Amino acid sequence: MSHDKFEDVFNERAQRLLRTLVGSYIRDGQPVGSRSLTRDSGLTLSSATVRNVMADLEELGFISSPHTSAGRVPTNKGYRFFVDTLLHGQSLNQQDSGELIRQFENARMVVDDKALVASASQMLSNVTQLAGVVTLPRAAQAAITHVEFVSLSDNRVLVVLVLGDREVQNRILQMDRYHSTEELRRASSYLSELLRGRTVHEARQEILRQMQEARETMNQIMLDAVQVAEAAIAPQPDEKLEYVIAGETNLMGVAELASVDKLKRLFEAFNERRDFLTLLDGSLKADGVQIFIGQESGYHIPDEVSVIAAPYSLDQNVMGVLGVIGPTRMAYERVIPIVDITAKLLSAALNSRR
């Protein structure tokens, strides 16, 4: 269809009918016929005109006709257009906002930041009755507060990295030569001073700069210290995102996902983790709420599933992402602001603990 033809067919009247159809289907879960669409849209149109518009919307791929019904249902393309252009000024209702604030007040008693973050997935699940998901803060985003080296046997060195106020990471390095206790003490003292307050990513950049710019002027102690540090904060294979998911069983009660085959594919996607992690990792770089409908994300996520996600931050640094997993037929106008405010509340809770 040409652009001009598209503009002619997909006019304001068609958009209003599409919004009414998607809203009705989200609410009732039943195919929408032209008669109810005429009544609910508030437009003064004949049933024949509405049927013609519905036929055009079907040709454009925004709706489809189930074989067992004369009504239409939205396609993922229809949901996408609804989400992108037909939702205006969605705001969190008072009941949802009150419940989220209450749950965050209770969660503030949790001592560990990771436990607080993990609890956000359960909060999202409780409020939406869908599946909540949250990625745990990545060490690369936390500031280094102390570096310690301990000599082990066989030229190995134990590296103790203290990140932020609470997190401690231990790594064992295989070095080319033996390093004495005194060498390692000097190295840890030098590096703690050099790297304190930097994130692991920033520390890597600083180490590279030191290696490139100051090699000639460094004494052997500093050079050895920097070399040990380079190995200590090199990217680790386990530095990938971890996520916590809550409320998966809520999805078993969703009609669109109730078949054994669909649930099996969904839970396989949860278990494999790779595709969900890649999708969530992409949301880390996003500004605000991101919405993925069906397989449009490009990953092996079931076509009947949507993911709504938003990043949360600490000291203006993005630490992770949280969201809701549910059917494509979900109440987007309610869930989107829930995800948005939960990300803001979690960010505020993390920052208030500093």
Foldseek 3Di string as FASTA:
>chain_A
DDPVVCPVLCDPVLVLLLLQQLVVCLVPVDFDALVVSCVRSPDPDDSVVSVVSVVVCVVVPQWDDDPVDPGIYGALVVLVCCVPPVQPPQAADPVLVVQLVVVLVVLLVDDDLQSSQLCLQVSLCVSQVFKKKWWGFFQQQFAWQFWAWDFDPQQKIWIWTDTDDDDIDIDIDRDPDGDDPVLRVLLRVVVNVVRGGHGLVVSLVVLVCCVPPPVVPDDPSNVVSSVVVNRVSPDDPPRAIDMHMPNNVSQCPPPVQVDPVSSVQQVVCVVVVPQVSVLFVVQLPDDAKDKDAACPSVDSHHNQKMWIKHFADEPPHTGGMMTGIHGSSHPCSHRRNSRRVSSVSSNVSRHVVD
